[in-house]
Amino acid sequence: MVLKGLIAVVVLYLALLGRSAWKQGEFAQFVRSLALVTALLGAIVAFVAVFIWIDRG
């Protein structure tokens, strides 16, 4: 339940940031930045998953 609330807060925050970027004409930069952060977090998660997988084997 707490996780769903946290996800909702993050989504709401990102929506408000996107709306602000849209009004300032910087939505493309916002999307690029969001994609970069998502890719970096994905790379970290993948690295940790591979490390755990290797450690178990």
Protein backbone atom coordinates (compact mmCIF):
# COMPACT_ATOMS: atom_id res chain seq x y z
CA MET A 1 0.00 0.00 0.00
CA VAL A 2 2.81 2.39 0.87
CA LEU A 3 4.59 1.55 -2.39
CA LYS A 4 1.48 2.43 -4.42
CA GLY A 5 1.23 5.76 -2.62
CA LEU A 6 4.88 6.50 -3.25
CA ILE A 7 4.53 5.66 -6.94
CA ALA A 8 1.47 7.92 -7.15
CA VAL A 9 3.39 10.81 -5.59
CA VAL A 10 6.32 10.33 -7.99
CA VAL A 11 3.99 10.20 -11.00
CA LEU A 12 2.17 13.32 -9.84
CA TYR A 13 5.47 15.15 -9.30
CA LEU A 14 6.71 14.19 -12.77
CA ALA A 15 3.41 15.29 -14.31
CA LEU A 16 3.69 18.69 -12.63
CA LEU A 17 7.30 19.02 -13.77
CA GLY A 18 6.25 18.10 -17.31
CA ARG A 19 3.45 20.65 -17.25
CA SER A 20 5.84 23.33 -16.07
CA ALA A 21 8.37 22.40 -18.76
CA TRP A 22 5.60 22.47 -21.38
CA LYS A 23 4.54 25.98 -20.36
CA GLN A 24 8.15 27.18 -20.53
CA GLY A 25 8.70 25.58 -23.93
CA GLU A 26 11.29 23.13 -22.60
CA PHE A 27 9.32 19.89 -22.82
CA ALA A 28 11.78 18.24 -25.22
CA GLN A 29 14.64 18.87 -22.78
CA PHE A 30 12.51 17.49 -19.94
CA VAL A 31 11.80 14.29 -21.89
CA ARG A 32 15.50 13.87 -22.79
CA SER A 33 16.51 14.34 -19.16
CA LEU A 34 13.86 11.90 -17.97
CA ALA A 35 15.02 9.33 -20.53
CA LEU A 36 18.65 9.76 -19.45
CA VAL A 37 17.82 9.29 -15.76
CA THR A 38 15.68 6.23 -16.60
CA ALA A 39 18.51 4.73 -18.66
CA LEU A 40 21.06 5.33 -15.90
CA LEU A 41 18.81 3.76 -13.26
CA GLY A 42 18.16 0.83 -15.59
CA ALA A 43 21.90 0.34 -16.08
CA ILE A 44 22.48 0.35 -12.32
CA VAL A 45 19.67 -2.18 -11.77
CA ALA A 46 21.05 -4.40 -14.55
CA PHE A 47 24.56 -4.22 -13.08
CA VAL A 48 23.32 -5.20 -9.63
CA ALA A 49 21.18 -8.02 -11.07
CA VAL A 50 24.14 -9.43 -13.01
CA PHE A 51 26.36 -9.17 -9.93
CA ILE A 52 23.80 -11.06 -7.85
CA TRP A 53 23.36 -13.66 -10.60
CA ILE A 54 27.15 -14.21 -10.87
CA ASP A 55 27.55 -14.34 -7.09
CA ARG A 56 24.95 -17.11 -6.77
CA GLY A 57 26.52 -19.20 -9.52
